[in-house]
Amino acid sequence: MRIIRKKYKPKKIDFEKQHRQIQCPQVRVIDESGANAGVMDTNTALALAQEKGLDLIEVSPLAQPPVVRIQDYNQFRYQESKERKKSKARQTSYILGIKKLF
């Protein structure tokens, strides 16, 4: 009798689904230069972002009030993917370093 085993495939995380619509009445805004713009209404922050031609991205949803950033969404996704790749590369090299010791 032959046993067939499937290879383990980690679940791919869809980061598009992780980002959600901002629903709090007030948010702390960080502008495109990284400076703190203060606490303001969500509608005002959204209007400010649209005026500059950028997007309003929720950075820290658990903070009180939640922190949002005015930034281009595609640039934000690109930076996230770069950070993920960098951390993954560090993780594998760390594991390889341990394997060399044993």
Protein backbone atom coordinates (compact mmCIF):
# COMPACT_ATOMS: atom_id res chain seq x y z
CA MET A 1 0.00 0.00 0.00
CA ARG A 2 1.29 3.41 -0.94
CA ILE A 3 0.84 6.46 1.25
CA ILE A 4 0.58 9.77 -0.52
CA ARG A 5 1.21 12.88 1.53
CA LYS A 6 0.48 16.38 0.46
CA LYS A 7 3.18 18.96 0.87
CA TYR A 8 2.47 21.62 3.44
CA LYS A 9 1.51 24.91 1.84
CA PRO A 10 1.24 27.89 4.16
CA LYS A 11 -1.86 29.98 3.70
CA LYS A 12 -1.32 33.06 1.65
CA ILE A 13 -2.43 36.15 3.53
CA ASP A 14 -4.42 38.54 1.43
CA PHE A 15 -3.34 41.93 2.72
CA GLU A 16 -6.01 43.63 0.63
CA LYS A 17 -8.68 42.19 2.92
CA GLN A 18 -6.91 43.33 6.08
CA HIS A 19 -7.39 47.00 5.33
CA ARG A 20 -10.83 48.18 6.27
CA GLN A 21 -12.92 51.31 6.15
CA ILE A 22 -12.38 53.85 8.94
CA GLN A 23 -15.49 53.99 11.14
CA CYS A 24 -14.43 56.07 14.16
CA PRO A 25 -15.79 59.62 14.51
CA GLN A 26 -12.36 61.12 15.33
CA VAL A 27 -8.86 60.13 14.24
CA ARG A 28 -5.27 61.27 14.83
CA VAL A 29 -3.85 62.35 11.48
CA ILE A 30 -0.25 62.10 10.26
CA ASP A 31 0.33 64.07 7.06
CA GLU A 32 2.40 63.00 4.05
CA SER A 33 5.62 64.50 5.45
CA GLY A 34 5.27 62.46 8.68
CA ALA A 35 4.28 65.38 10.91
CA ASN A 36 1.40 65.09 13.36
CA ALA A 37 -1.60 67.07 12.10
CA GLY A 38 -3.60 66.48 15.29
CA VAL A 39 -6.95 64.94 16.16
CA MET A 40 -9.82 65.76 13.78
CA ASP A 41 -13.10 64.37 12.51
CA THR A 42 -12.87 61.50 10.05
CA ASN A 43 -14.78 63.41 7.38
CA THR A 44 -12.42 66.40 7.70
CA ALA A 45 -9.37 64.13 7.45
CA LEU A 46 -10.82 62.39 4.40
CA ALA A 47 -11.55 65.74 2.73
CA LEU A 48 -7.97 66.87 3.47
CA ALA A 49 -6.56 63.71 1.89
CA GLN A 50 -8.76 64.04 -1.19
CA GLU A 51 -7.74 67.69 -1.54
CA LYS A 52 -4.09 66.60 -1.72
CA GLY A 53 -4.93 63.74 -4.12
CA LEU A 54 -3.89 61.04 -1.65
CA ASP A 55 -5.57 58.31 0.42
CA LEU A 56 -6.38 58.06 4.12
CA ILE A 57 -4.81 54.86 5.52
CA GLU A 58 -5.49 53.48 8.99
CA VAL A 59 -2.11 52.72 10.57
CA SER A 60 -3.00 51.86 14.16
CA PRO A 61 -6.67 50.90 14.66
CA LEU A 62 -6.31 49.97 18.33
CA ALA A 63 -5.02 53.35 19.52
CA GLN A 64 -7.37 55.90 21.09
CA PRO A 65 -8.14 57.71 18.79
CA PRO A 66 -7.04 55.54 15.85
CA VAL A 67 -4.00 56.77 13.92
CA VAL A 68 -4.38 57.40 10.19
CA ARG A 69 -1.86 58.53 7.61
CA ILE A 70 -2.32 60.62 4.48
CA GLN A 71 -0.35 58.71 1.85
CA ASP A 72 -0.67 57.08 -1.56
CA TYR A 73 -2.16 53.60 -0.98
CA ASN A 74 -0.06 51.91 -3.69
CA GLN A 75 3.13 53.29 -2.14
CA PHE A 76 1.96 52.04 1.27
CA ARG A 77 1.37 48.52 -0.09
CA TYR A 78 4.78 48.54 -1.80
CA GLN A 79 6.54 49.51 1.44
CA GLU A 80 4.67 46.79 3.35
CA SER A 81 5.68 44.14 0.82
CA LYS A 82 9.33 45.26 1.00
CA GLU A 83 9.28 44.99 4.81
CA ARG A 84 7.71 41.53 4.65
CA LYS A 85 10.34 40.31 2.17
CA LYS A 86 13.15 41.74 4.29
CA SER A 87 11.87 40.10 7.47
CA LYS A 88 11.41 36.80 5.65
CA ALA A 89 14.99 36.95 4.35
CA ARG A 90 16.29 37.65 7.84
CA GLN A 91 14.28 34.78 9.27
CA THR A 92 15.63 32.21 6.82
CA SER A 93 19.22 33.37 7.25
CA TYR A 94 18.79 33.11 11.02
CA ILE A 95 17.50 29.54 10.65
CA LEU A 96 20.37 28.67 8.33
CA GLY A 97 22.83 30.08 10.87
CA ILE A 98 21.43 27.78 13.55
CA LYS A 99 21.60 24.77 11.25
CA LYS A 100 25.27 25.48 10.61
CA LEU A 101 25.99 25.34 14.33
CA PHE A 102 24.50 21.87 14.75
